[in-house]
Each structure stands twice: as C-alpha cells, then as structure tokens.
Amino acid sequence: MRLEALRAVSYSELVDRLAGRVETDGVVGPSGARYQLEVQGLWDRDVGESLRVIVSVDDGGVRAFAPVSDDFIVARDGSFVGE
C-alpha cells in the first residue's frame, strides 16, 4: 500500500524527501499486529539520475533480520525503470 502511494509521487518530490535518507514509521496491520516500516531512497547509479525507492516491513521480531521488501526505480523524466 505504501509502495503504491509512493509511485504516485513525482520524481522531484521523491528526491527531496528520500534521496540518501531513511524514513521509519510504525503501522498497525488489519489483524492489529504492529509493524516497523522503513522507506529509503538511494541513487541507482549516478547521483542526480534514477532513484531507487525501497520499502521494507518487519514485525520487530525475527523478521527484523529478513524484512519483507519491495522497490521501484524512477528516472528523472518520471518513468519507471525496468517495467
């Protein structure tokens, strides 16, 4: 859900918000379980070019060592790389 919302954000907004940064948030799932959410933006190759956005989630227990994650790469022109 968070990944889809981030895909709707413009390249420039993603860069301003995430490039070289990590955002963390606590979320509650439908079952009432609490999860740690981490969103990170990394330059995919060269600084100022494509930005890789990674969203990871874990339950704070054993899953913290192997979180579930997904990502996308957005180019400067707003297109998604590799899709």
C-alpha atoms as a PDB file:
ATOM      1  CA  MET A   1       0.000   0.000   0.000  1.00  0.00           C
ATOM      2  CA  ARG A   2       2.760   2.476   0.918  1.00  0.00           C
ATOM      3  CA  LEU A   3       4.738   1.474  -2.171  1.00  0.00           C
ATOM      4  CA  GLU A   4       1.788   2.249  -4.438  1.00  0.00           C
ATOM      5  CA  ALA A   5       1.307   5.641  -2.797  1.00  0.00           C
ATOM      6  CA  LEU A   6       4.980   6.471  -3.321  1.00  0.00           C
ATOM      7  CA  ARG A   7       4.737   5.523  -7.009  1.00  0.00           C
ATOM      8  CA  ALA A   8       2.193   8.352  -7.408  1.00  0.00           C
ATOM      9  CA  VAL A   9       4.669  10.957  -6.066  1.00  0.00           C
ATOM     10  CA  SER A  10       6.702  12.955  -8.591  1.00  0.00           C
ATOM     11  CA  TYR A  11      10.407  12.309  -9.132  1.00  0.00           C
ATOM     12  CA  SER A  12      11.385  15.713  -7.728  1.00  0.00           C
ATOM     13  CA  GLU A  13       9.294  15.202  -4.591  1.00  0.00           C
ATOM     14  CA  LEU A  14      10.789  11.741  -4.045  1.00  0.00           C
ATOM     15  CA  VAL A  15      14.303  13.146  -4.432  1.00  0.00           C
ATOM     16  CA  ASP A  16      13.616  16.000  -1.991  1.00  0.00           C
ATOM     17  CA  ARG A  17      12.042  13.654   0.530  1.00  0.00           C
ATOM     18  CA  LEU A  18      14.099  10.465   0.256  1.00  0.00           C
ATOM     19  CA  ALA A  19      17.431  10.808  -1.590  1.00  0.00           C
ATOM     20  CA  GLY A  20      20.051   9.483   0.815  1.00  0.00           C
ATOM     21  CA  ARG A  21      17.546   9.302   3.667  1.00  0.00           C
ATOM     22  CA  VAL A  22      15.562   6.705   5.573  1.00  0.00           C
ATOM     23  CA  GLU A  23      12.044   7.275   6.923  1.00  0.00           C
ATOM     24  CA  THR A  24      10.673   4.953   9.578  1.00  0.00           C
ATOM     25  CA  ASP A  25       7.127   4.565  10.774  1.00  0.00           C
ATOM     26  CA  GLY A  26       5.143   2.223  12.971  1.00  0.00           C
ATOM     27  CA  VAL A  27       1.984   0.842  11.388  1.00  0.00           C
ATOM     28  CA  VAL A  28      -0.812  -1.430  12.573  1.00  0.00           C
ATOM     29  CA  GLY A  29      -1.930  -4.216  10.257  1.00  0.00           C
ATOM     30  CA  PRO A  30      -5.510  -5.425   9.739  1.00  0.00           C
ATOM     31  CA  SER A  31      -5.008  -8.086  12.432  1.00  0.00           C
ATOM     32  CA  GLY A  32      -3.928  -5.450  14.963  1.00  0.00           C
ATOM     33  CA  ALA A  33      -0.271  -6.527  14.787  1.00  0.00           C
ATOM     34  CA  ARG A  34       2.294  -3.714  14.865  1.00  0.00           C
ATOM     35  CA  TYR A  35       4.936  -3.450  12.160  1.00  0.00           C
ATOM     36  CA  GLN A  36       8.033  -1.333  11.549  1.00  0.00           C
ATOM     37  CA  LEU A  37       8.010   0.296   8.108  1.00  0.00           C
ATOM     38  CA  GLU A  38      11.161   1.710   6.526  1.00  0.00           C
ATOM     39  CA  VAL A  39      11.296   3.761   3.331  1.00  0.00           C
ATOM     40  CA  GLN A  40      14.674   4.522   1.778  1.00  0.00           C
ATOM     41  CA  GLY A  41      15.813   6.391  -1.319  1.00  0.00           C
ATOM     42  CA  LEU A  42      19.123   5.521  -2.977  1.00  0.00           C
ATOM     43  CA  TRP A  43      20.652   6.733  -6.201  1.00  0.00           C
ATOM     44  CA  ASP A  44      20.516   3.732  -8.503  1.00  0.00           C
ATOM     45  CA  ARG A  45      23.724   4.545 -10.373  1.00  0.00           C
ATOM     46  CA  ASP A  46      24.787   8.170 -10.595  1.00  0.00           C
ATOM     47  CA  VAL A  47      23.775  10.892  -8.149  1.00  0.00           C
ATOM     48  CA  GLY A  48      21.008  13.022  -9.639  1.00  0.00           C
ATOM     49  CA  GLU A  49      19.802  10.355 -12.046  1.00  0.00           C
ATOM     50  CA  SER A  50      17.482   7.392 -11.309  1.00  0.00           C
ATOM     51  CA  LEU A  51      16.281   6.983  -7.724  1.00  0.00           C
ATOM     52  CA  ARG A  52      15.591   3.564  -6.220  1.00  0.00           C
ATOM     53  CA  VAL A  53      12.849   3.650  -3.581  1.00  0.00           C
ATOM     54  CA  ILE A  54      12.794   0.682  -1.188  1.00  0.00           C
ATOM     55  CA  VAL A  55      10.001  -0.104   1.269  1.00  0.00           C
ATOM     56  CA  SER A  56      10.703  -2.730   3.944  1.00  0.00           C
ATOM     57  CA  VAL A  57       8.447  -4.032   6.696  1.00  0.00           C
ATOM     58  CA  ASP A  58       9.096  -6.259   9.684  1.00  0.00           C
ATOM     59  CA  ASP A  59       7.355  -7.243  12.901  1.00  0.00           C
ATOM     60  CA  GLY A  60      10.199  -6.206  15.201  1.00  0.00           C
ATOM     61  CA  GLY A  61      10.956  -9.857  15.979  1.00  0.00           C
ATOM     62  CA  VAL A  62      12.853 -12.393  13.937  1.00  0.00           C
ATOM     63  CA  ARG A  63      11.556 -10.779  10.708  1.00  0.00           C
ATOM     64  CA  ALA A  64      13.708  -7.740  11.541  1.00  0.00           C
ATOM     65  CA  PHE A  65      16.697  -9.784  10.313  1.00  0.00           C
ATOM     66  CA  ALA A  66      14.981 -10.550   6.978  1.00  0.00           C
ATOM     67  CA  PRO A  67      12.287  -7.932   6.347  1.00  0.00           C
ATOM     68  CA  VAL A  68       9.801  -8.179   3.526  1.00  0.00           C
ATOM     69  CA  SER A  69      10.693  -5.527   0.974  1.00  0.00           C
ATOM     70  CA  ASP A  70       9.853  -4.252  -2.480  1.00  0.00           C
ATOM     71  CA  ASP A  71      11.206  -1.415  -4.569  1.00  0.00           C
ATOM     72  CA  PHE A  72      10.955   0.581  -7.752  1.00  0.00           C
ATOM     73  CA  ILE A  73      13.302   2.810  -9.733  1.00  0.00           C
ATOM     74  CA  VAL A  74      12.112   6.144 -11.075  1.00  0.00           C
ATOM     75  CA  ALA A  75      14.031   8.071 -13.736  1.00  0.00           C
ATOM     76  CA  ARG A  76      14.410  11.856 -13.901  1.00  0.00           C
ATOM     77  CA  ASP A  77      11.640  12.011 -16.505  1.00  0.00           C
ATOM     78  CA  GLY A  78       9.221  10.294 -14.091  1.00  0.00           C
ATOM     79  CA  SER A  79       9.183   6.953 -15.904  1.00  0.00           C
ATOM     80  CA  PHE A  80       9.729   3.705 -14.047  1.00  0.00           C
ATOM     81  CA  VAL A  81      12.930   1.883 -14.989  1.00  0.00           C
ATOM     82  CA  GLY A  82      12.751  -1.803 -15.870  1.00  0.00           C
ATOM     83  CA  GLU A  83       8.985  -2.028 -16.160  1.00  0.00           C
END
